[in-house]
Amino acid sequence: MRKSRIFLVITFSETADAMAAEKLLAGRQIPGRIIPIPRQLSAGCGLSWRTEPELEDQVKEALGTAGIRWQEMRSIPLWVSG
């Protein structure tokens, strides 16, 4: 059964930034994963990263410290299996 959950979604203009964010955030044990950009958000490189909304401050700090550029960061409902 599919249900809707709120996730924090970060979009990137460059694929390299999305991949660097994935590596950085995994290294800091911030859970999440790369997903295609949801329809609700504007398209950049086609990739985005999703995590739990309560981790927004940690994600912003990590990306800012590492100098990884992101386009948009927003909490939105997404369909998940479960």
PDB file of N, CA and C in Angstrom:
ATOM      1  N   MET A   1       0.827  -1.167   0.000  1.00  0.00           N
ATOM      2  CA  MET A   1       0.000   0.000   0.000  1.00  0.00           C
ATOM      3  C   MET A   1       0.885   1.249   0.000  1.00  0.00           C
ATOM      4  N   ARG A   2       0.498   2.231  -0.786  1.00  0.00           N
ATOM      5  CA  ARG A   2       1.258   3.480  -0.842  1.00  0.00           C
ATOM      6  C   ARG A   2       0.603   4.515   0.048  1.00  0.00           C
ATOM      7  N   LYS A   3       1.439   5.318   0.681  1.00  0.00           N
ATOM      8  CA  LYS A   3       0.916   6.399   1.512  1.00  0.00           C
ATOM      9  C   LYS A   3       1.803   7.623   1.344  1.00  0.00           C
ATOM     10  N   SER A   4       1.272   8.762   1.709  1.00  0.00           N
ATOM     11  CA  SER A   4       2.001  10.019   1.584  1.00  0.00           C
ATOM     12  C   SER A   4       2.690  10.348   2.906  1.00  0.00           C
ATOM     13  N   ARG A   5       3.953  10.807   2.810  1.00  0.00           N
ATOM     14  CA  ARG A   5       4.731  11.259   3.964  1.00  0.00           C
ATOM     15  C   ARG A   5       5.424  12.555   3.596  1.00  0.00           C
ATOM     16  N   ILE A   6       5.690  13.370   4.590  1.00  0.00           N
ATOM     17  CA  ILE A   6       6.413  14.621   4.362  1.00  0.00           C
ATOM     18  C   ILE A   6       7.914  14.336   4.429  1.00  0.00           C
ATOM     19  N   PHE A   7       8.631  14.797   3.407  1.00  0.00           N
ATOM     20  CA  PHE A   7      10.090  14.690   3.358  1.00  0.00           C
ATOM     21  C   PHE A   7      10.682  16.061   3.052  1.00  0.00           C
ATOM     22  N   LEU A   8      11.891  16.283   3.507  1.00  0.00           N
ATOM     23  CA  LEU A   8      12.677  17.435   3.089  1.00  0.00           C
ATOM     24  C   LEU A   8      13.360  17.039   1.791  1.00  0.00           C
ATOM     25  N   VAL A   9      13.171  17.836   0.737  1.00  0.00           N
ATOM     26  CA  VAL A   9      13.761  17.531  -0.562  1.00  0.00           C
ATOM     27  C   VAL A   9      14.668  18.692  -0.964  1.00  0.00           C
ATOM     28  N   ILE A  10      15.884  18.360  -1.358  1.00  0.00           N
ATOM     29  CA  ILE A  10      16.878  19.348  -1.774  1.00  0.00           C
ATOM     30  C   ILE A  10      17.162  19.130  -3.254  1.00  0.00           C
ATOM     31  N   THR A  11      17.054  20.201  -4.053  1.00  0.00           N
ATOM     32  CA  THR A  11      17.359  20.097  -5.481  1.00  0.00           C
ATOM     33  C   THR A  11      18.703  20.759  -5.767  1.00  0.00           C
ATOM     34  N   PHE A  12      19.306  20.338  -6.865  1.00  0.00           N
ATOM     35  CA  PHE A  12      20.633  20.813  -7.260  1.00  0.00           C
ATOM     36  C   PHE A  12      20.606  21.180  -8.739  1.00  0.00           C
ATOM     37  N   SER A  13      21.411  22.153  -9.126  1.00  0.00           N
ATOM     38  CA  SER A  13      21.487  22.522 -10.543  1.00  0.00           C
ATOM     39  C   SER A  13      22.490  21.657 -11.291  1.00  0.00           C
ATOM     40  N   GLU A  14      23.421  21.061 -10.568  1.00  0.00           N
ATOM     41  CA  GLU A  14      24.465  20.232 -11.178  1.00  0.00           C
ATOM     42  C   GLU A  14      24.449  18.825 -10.589  1.00  0.00           C
ATOM     43  N   THR A  15      24.573  17.832 -11.439  1.00  0.00           N
ATOM     44  CA  THR A  15      24.627  16.443 -10.982  1.00  0.00           C
ATOM     45  C   THR A  15      25.794  16.232 -10.024  1.00  0.00           C
ATOM     46  N   ALA A  16      26.906  16.871 -10.290  1.00  0.00           N
ATOM     47  CA  ALA A  16      28.089  16.726  -9.420  1.00  0.00           C
ATOM     48  C   ALA A  16      27.776  17.196  -7.997  1.00  0.00           C
ATOM     49  N   ASP A  17      26.977  18.262  -7.848  1.00  0.00           N
ATOM     50  CA  ASP A  17      26.605  18.738  -6.512  1.00  0.00           C
ATOM     51  C   ASP A  17      25.708  17.727  -5.807  1.00  0.00           C
ATOM     52  N   ALA A  18      24.781  17.125  -6.536  1.00  0.00           N
ATOM     53  CA  ALA A  18      23.898  16.115  -5.946  1.00  0.00           C
ATOM     54  C   ALA A  18      24.708  14.918  -5.453  1.00  0.00           C
ATOM     55  N   MET A  19      25.658  14.476  -6.254  1.00  0.00           N
ATOM     56  CA  MET A  19      26.474  13.321  -5.875  1.00  0.00           C
ATOM     57  C   MET A  19      27.402  13.667  -4.706  1.00  0.00           C
ATOM     58  N   ALA A  20      27.951  14.873  -4.699  1.00  0.00           N
ATOM     59  CA  ALA A  20      28.808  15.296  -3.592  1.00  0.00           C
ATOM     60  C   ALA A  20      28.006  15.402  -2.298  1.00  0.00           C
ATOM     61  N   ALA A  21      26.769  15.892  -2.401  1.00  0.00           N
ATOM     62  CA  ALA A  21      25.904  15.995  -1.218  1.00  0.00           C
ATOM     63  C   ALA A  21      25.603  14.615  -0.661  1.00  0.00           C
ATOM     64  N   GLU A  22      25.297  13.664  -1.538  1.00  0.00           N
ATOM     65  CA  GLU A  22      25.008  12.302  -1.092  1.00  0.00           C
ATOM     66  C   GLU A  22      26.194  11.726  -0.324  1.00  0.00           C
ATOM     67  N   LYS A  23      27.388  11.882  -0.851  1.00  0.00           N
ATOM     68  CA  LYS A  23      28.592  11.351  -0.202  1.00  0.00           C
ATOM     69  C   LYS A  23      28.839  12.048   1.142  1.00  0.00           C
ATOM     70  N   LEU A  24      28.739  13.376   1.146  1.00  0.00           N
ATOM     71  CA  LEU A  24      28.976  14.145   2.367  1.00  0.00           C
ATOM     72  C   LEU A  24      27.978  13.776   3.461  1.00  0.00           C
ATOM     73  N   LEU A  25      26.698  13.782   3.122  1.00  0.00           N
ATOM     74  CA  LEU A  25      25.664  13.543   4.127  1.00  0.00           C
ATOM     75  C   LEU A  25      25.705  12.108   4.646  1.00  0.00           C
ATOM     76  N   ALA A  26      26.006  11.159   3.789  1.00  0.00           N
ATOM     77  CA  ALA A  26      26.164   9.768   4.239  1.00  0.00           C
ATOM     78  C   ALA A  26      27.335   9.663   5.205  1.00  0.00           C
ATOM     79  N   GLY A  27      28.415  10.376   4.893  1.00  0.00           N
ATOM     80  CA  GLY A  27      29.583  10.369   5.766  1.00  0.00           C
ATOM     81  C   GLY A  27      29.318  10.976   7.129  1.00  0.00           C
ATOM     82  N   ARG A  28      28.351  11.866   7.195  1.00  0.00           N
ATOM     83  CA  ARG A  28      27.967  12.472   8.478  1.00  0.00           C
ATOM     84  C   ARG A  28      26.801  11.732   9.138  1.00  0.00           C
ATOM     85  N   GLN A  29      26.466  10.577   8.620  1.00  0.00           N
ATOM     86  CA  GLN A  29      25.364   9.757   9.126  1.00  0.00           C
ATOM     87  C   GLN A  29      24.026  10.496   9.147  1.00  0.00           C
ATOM     88  N   ILE A  30      23.805  11.349   8.161  1.00  0.00           N
ATOM     89  CA  ILE A  30      22.507  12.001   7.979  1.00  0.00           C
ATOM     90  C   ILE A  30      21.740  11.140   6.987  1.00  0.00           C
ATOM     91  N   PRO A  31      20.673  10.479   7.431  1.00  0.00           N
ATOM     92  CA  PRO A  31      19.967   9.546   6.559  1.00  0.00           C
ATOM     93  C   PRO A  31      19.250  10.248   5.408  1.00  0.00           C
ATOM     94  N   GLY A  32      19.213   9.578   4.276  1.00  0.00           N
ATOM     95  CA  GLY A  32      18.523  10.113   3.114  1.00  0.00           C
ATOM     96  C   GLY A  32      18.963   9.366   1.880  1.00  0.00           C
ATOM     97  N   ARG A  33      18.427   9.814   0.722  1.00  0.00           N
ATOM     98  CA  ARG A  33      18.834   9.163  -0.516  1.00  0.00           C
ATOM     99  C   ARG A  33      18.544  10.053  -1.709  1.00  0.00           C
ATOM    100  N   ILE A  34      19.249   9.779  -2.798  1.00  0.00           N
ATOM    101  CA  ILE A  34      19.038  10.468  -4.069  1.00  0.00           C
ATOM    102  C   ILE A  34      17.726   9.966  -4.678  1.00  0.00           C
ATOM    103  N   ILE A  35      16.921  10.909  -5.182  1.00  0.00           N
ATOM    104  CA  ILE A  35      15.679  10.567  -5.872  1.00  0.00           C
ATOM    105  C   ILE A  35      15.545  11.475  -7.095  1.00  0.00           C
ATOM    106  N   PRO A  36      14.719  11.098  -8.074  1.00  0.00           N
ATOM    107  CA  PRO A  36      14.416  12.028  -9.167  1.00  0.00           C
ATOM    108  C   PRO A  36      13.681  13.244  -8.600  1.00  0.00           C
ATOM    109  N   ILE A  37      13.849  14.395  -9.216  1.00  0.00           N
ATOM    110  CA  ILE A  37      13.170  15.594  -8.728  1.00  0.00           C
ATOM    111  C   ILE A  37      11.657  15.391  -8.818  1.00  0.00           C
ATOM    112  N   PRO A  38      10.949  15.572  -7.699  1.00  0.00           N
ATOM    113  CA  PRO A  38       9.493  15.445  -7.727  1.00  0.00           C
ATOM    114  C   PRO A  38       8.847  16.518  -8.604  1.00  0.00           C
ATOM    115  N   ARG A  39       7.689  16.220  -9.139  1.00  0.00           N
ATOM    116  CA  ARG A  39       6.977  17.153 -10.017  1.00  0.00           C
ATOM    117  C   ARG A  39       6.672  18.486  -9.351  1.00  0.00           C
ATOM    118  N   GLN A  40       6.503  18.481  -8.025  1.00  0.00           N
ATOM    119  CA  GLN A  40       6.154  19.702  -7.306  1.00  0.00           C
ATOM    120  C   GLN A  40       7.272  20.747  -7.334  1.00  0.00           C
ATOM    121  N   LEU A  41       8.484  20.324  -7.641  1.00  0.00           N
ATOM    122  CA  LEU A  41       9.641  21.225  -7.614  1.00  0.00           C
ATOM    123  C   LEU A  41      10.154  21.471  -9.025  1.00  0.00           C
ATOM    124  N   SER A  42      10.821  22.587  -9.200  1.00  0.00           N
ATOM    125  CA  SER A  42      11.369  22.903 -10.515  1.00  0.00           C
ATOM    126  C   SER A  42      12.561  22.007 -10.819  1.00  0.00           C
ATOM    127  N   ALA A  43      12.721  21.698 -12.082  1.00  0.00           N
ATOM    128  CA  ALA A  43      13.796  20.790 -12.501  1.00  0.00           C
ATOM    129  C   ALA A  43      15.129  21.510 -12.551  1.00  0.00           C
ATOM    130  N   GLY A  44      16.141  20.867 -12.049  1.00  0.00           N
ATOM    131  CA  GLY A  44      17.504  21.355 -12.149  1.00  0.00           C
ATOM    132  C   GLY A  44      18.271  20.333 -12.966  1.00  0.00           C
ATOM    133  N   CYS A  45      19.100  19.552 -12.281  1.00  0.00           N
ATOM    134  CA  CYS A  45      19.874  18.522 -12.961  1.00  0.00           C
ATOM    135  C   CYS A  45      19.084  17.225 -13.099  1.00  0.00           C
ATOM    136  N   GLY A  46      17.900  17.159 -12.489  1.00  0.00           N
ATOM    137  CA  GLY A  46      17.096  15.949 -12.551  1.00  0.00           C
ATOM    138  C   GLY A  46      17.197  15.094 -11.304  1.00  0.00           C
ATOM    139  N   LEU A  47      18.154  15.413 -10.428  1.00  0.00           N
ATOM    140  CA  LEU A  47      18.335  14.652  -9.189  1.00  0.00           C
ATOM    141  C   LEU A  47      18.051  15.543  -7.986  1.00  0.00           C
ATOM    142  N   SER A  48      17.550  14.931  -6.939  1.00  0.00           N
ATOM    143  CA  SER A  48      17.353  15.624  -5.673  1.00  0.00           C
ATOM    144  C   SER A  48      17.717  14.645  -4.556  1.00  0.00           C
ATOM    145  N   TRP A  49      17.720  15.131  -3.346  1.00  0.00           N
ATOM    146  CA  TRP A  49      18.057  14.300  -2.198  1.00  0.00           C
ATOM    147  C   TRP A  49      16.951  14.464  -1.178  1.00  0.00           C
ATOM    148  N   ARG A  50      16.458  13.369  -0.604  1.00  0.00           N
ATOM    149  CA  ARG A  50      15.375  13.462   0.371  1.00  0.00           C
ATOM    150  C   ARG A  50      15.823  12.943   1.722  1.00  0.00           C
ATOM    151  N   THR A  51      15.285  13.562   2.759  1.00  0.00           N
ATOM    152  CA  THR A  51      15.557  13.166   4.130  1.00  0.00           C
ATOM    153  C   THR A  51      14.387  13.570   5.001  1.00  0.00           C
ATOM    154  N   GLU A  52      14.533  13.427   6.288  1.00  0.00           N
ATOM    155  CA  GLU A  52      13.481  13.806   7.233  1.00  0.00           C
ATOM    156  C   GLU A  52      13.503  15.322   7.449  1.00  0.00           C
ATOM    157  N   PRO A  53      12.332  15.962   7.515  1.00  0.00           N
ATOM    158  CA  PRO A  53      12.264  17.423   7.657  1.00  0.00           C
ATOM    159  C   PRO A  53      12.988  17.975   8.883  1.00  0.00           C
ATOM    160  N   GLU A  54      13.013  17.218   9.974  1.00  0.00           N
ATOM    161  CA  GLU A  54      13.648  17.715  11.194  1.00  0.00           C
ATOM    162  C   GLU A  54      15.171  17.806  11.073  1.00  0.00           C
ATOM    163  N   LEU A  55      15.734  17.295   9.994  1.00  0.00           N
ATOM    164  CA  LEU A  55      17.188  17.348   9.785  1.00  0.00           C
ATOM    165  C   LEU A  55      17.621  18.548   8.932  1.00  0.00           C
ATOM    166  N   GLU A  56      16.698  19.448   8.641  1.00  0.00           N
ATOM    167  CA  GLU A  56      16.995  20.580   7.748  1.00  0.00           C
ATOM    168  C   GLU A  56      18.199  21.400   8.212  1.00  0.00           C
ATOM    169  N   ASP A  57      18.268  21.749   9.487  1.00  0.00           N
ATOM    170  CA  ASP A  57      19.391  22.555   9.977  1.00  0.00           C
ATOM    171  C   ASP A  57      20.717  21.823   9.819  1.00  0.00           C
ATOM    172  N   GLN A  58      20.743  20.521  10.107  1.00  0.00           N
ATOM    173  CA  GLN A  58      21.972  19.737   9.946  1.00  0.00           C
ATOM    174  C   GLN A  58      22.401  19.686   8.486  1.00  0.00           C
ATOM    175  N   VAL A  59      21.434  19.508   7.597  1.00  0.00           N
ATOM    176  CA  VAL A  59      21.738  19.438   6.162  1.00  0.00           C
ATOM    177  C   VAL A  59      22.288  20.773   5.676  1.00  0.00           C
ATOM    178  N   LYS A  60      21.646  21.875   6.037  1.00  0.00           N
ATOM    179  CA  LYS A  60      22.116  23.204   5.622  1.00  0.00           C
ATOM    180  C   LYS A  60      23.535  23.464   6.121  1.00  0.00           C
ATOM    181  N   GLU A  61      23.794  23.114   7.374  1.00  0.00           N
ATOM    182  CA  GLU A  61      25.123  23.330   7.949  1.00  0.00           C
ATOM    183  C   GLU A  61      26.170  22.500   7.216  1.00  0.00           C
ATOM    184  N   ALA A  62      25.857  21.234   6.964  1.00  0.00           N
ATOM    185  CA  ALA A  62      26.812  20.346   6.291  1.00  0.00           C
ATOM    186  C   ALA A  62      27.103  20.816   4.871  1.00  0.00           C
ATOM    187  N   LEU A  63      26.060  21.136   4.116  1.00  0.00           N
ATOM    188  CA  LEU A  63      26.266  21.579   2.735  1.00  0.00           C
ATOM    189  C   LEU A  63      26.999  22.913   2.692  1.00  0.00           C
ATOM    190  N   GLY A  64      26.629  23.826   3.595  1.00  0.00           N
ATOM    191  CA  GLY A  64      27.288  25.138   3.636  1.00  0.00           C
ATOM    192  C   GLY A  64      28.758  25.036   3.981  1.00  0.00           C
ATOM    193  N   THR A  65      29.086  24.233   4.971  1.00  0.00           N
ATOM    194  CA  THR A  65      30.480  24.043   5.385  1.00  0.00           C
ATOM    195  C   THR A  65      31.314  23.459   4.253  1.00  0.00           C
ATOM    196  N   ALA A  66      30.712  22.530   3.501  1.00  0.00           N
ATOM    197  CA  ALA A  66      31.433  21.868   2.409  1.00  0.00           C
ATOM    198  C   ALA A  66      31.413  22.678   1.118  1.00  0.00           C
ATOM    199  N   GLY A  67      30.619  23.751   1.076  1.00  0.00           N
ATOM    200  CA  GLY A  67      30.545  24.574  -0.136  1.00  0.00           C
ATOM    201  C   GLY A  67      29.767  23.914  -1.266  1.00  0.00           C
ATOM    202  N   ILE A  68      28.860  23.016  -0.924  1.00  0.00           N
ATOM    203  CA  ILE A  68      28.044  22.353  -1.948  1.00  0.00           C
ATOM    204  C   ILE A  68      26.807  23.206  -2.215  1.00  0.00           C
ATOM    205  N   ARG A  69      26.615  23.565  -3.469  1.00  0.00           N
ATOM    206  CA  ARG A  69      25.505  24.434  -3.857  1.00  0.00           C
ATOM    207  C   ARG A  69      24.230  23.624  -4.055  1.00  0.00           C
ATOM    208  N   TRP A  70      23.122  24.182  -3.579  1.00  0.00           N
ATOM    209  CA  TRP A  70      21.822  23.574  -3.797  1.00  0.00           C
ATOM    210  C   TRP A  70      20.881  24.657  -4.296  1.00  0.00           C
ATOM    211  N   GLN A  71      19.813  24.239  -4.984  1.00  0.00           N
ATOM    212  CA  GLN A  71      18.859  25.185  -5.547  1.00  0.00           C
ATOM    213  C   GLN A  71      17.717  25.484  -4.594  1.00  0.00           C
ATOM    214  N   GLU A  72      17.032  24.434  -4.191  1.00  0.00           N
ATOM    215  CA  GLU A  72      15.826  24.592  -3.387  1.00  0.00           C
ATOM    216  C   GLU A  72      15.806  23.530  -2.301  1.00  0.00           C
ATOM    217  N   MET A  73      15.260  23.912  -1.137  1.00  0.00           N
ATOM    218  CA  MET A  73      15.126  22.981  -0.024  1.00  0.00           C
ATOM    219  C   MET A  73      13.724  23.202   0.536  1.00  0.00           C
ATOM    220  N   ARG A  74      12.888  22.164   0.430  1.00  0.00           N
ATOM    221  CA  ARG A  74      11.495  22.319   0.841  1.00  0.00           C
ATOM    222  C   ARG A  74      10.932  21.006   1.366  1.00  0.00           C
ATOM    223  N   SER A  75      10.064  21.099   2.374  1.00  0.00           N
ATOM    224  CA  SER A  75       9.356  19.923   2.870  1.00  0.00           C
ATOM    225  C   SER A  75       8.073  19.751   2.071  1.00  0.00           C
ATOM    226  N   ILE A  76       7.925  18.575   1.463  1.00  0.00           N
ATOM    227  CA  ILE A  76       6.773  18.303   0.618  1.00  0.00           C
ATOM    228  C   ILE A  76       6.284  16.869   0.846  1.00  0.00           C
ATOM    229  N   PRO A  77       5.010  16.604   0.539  1.00  0.00           N
ATOM    230  CA  PRO A  77       4.513  15.223   0.639  1.00  0.00           C
ATOM    231  C   PRO A  77       4.979  14.398  -0.557  1.00  0.00           C
ATOM    232  N   LEU A  78       5.429  13.181  -0.286  1.00  0.00           N
ATOM    233  CA  LEU A  78       5.824  12.243  -1.336  1.00  0.00           C
ATOM    234  C   LEU A  78       5.171  10.894  -1.046  1.00  0.00           C
ATOM    235  N   TRP A  79       4.868  10.166  -2.102  1.00  0.00           N
ATOM    236  CA  TRP A  79       4.304   8.825  -1.951  1.00  0.00           C
ATOM    237  C   TRP A  79       5.414   7.833  -1.673  1.00  0.00           C
ATOM    238  N   VAL A  80       5.185   6.961  -0.705  1.00  0.00           N
ATOM    239  CA  VAL A  80       6.140   5.906  -0.361  1.00  0.00           C
ATOM    240  C   VAL A  80       5.391   4.580  -0.202  1.00  0.00           C
ATOM    241  N   SER A  81       6.103   3.497  -0.400  1.00  0.00           N
ATOM    242  CA  SER A  81       5.523   2.174  -0.165  1.00  0.00           C
ATOM    243  C   SER A  81       5.537   1.881   1.317  1.00  0.00           C
ATOM    244  N   GLY A  82       4.564   1.164   1.766  1.00  0.00           N
ATOM    245  CA  GLY A  82       4.596   0.804   3.164  1.00  0.00           C
ATOM    246  C   GLY A  82       3.281   0.650   3.698  1.00  0.00           C
TER     247      GLY A  82
END
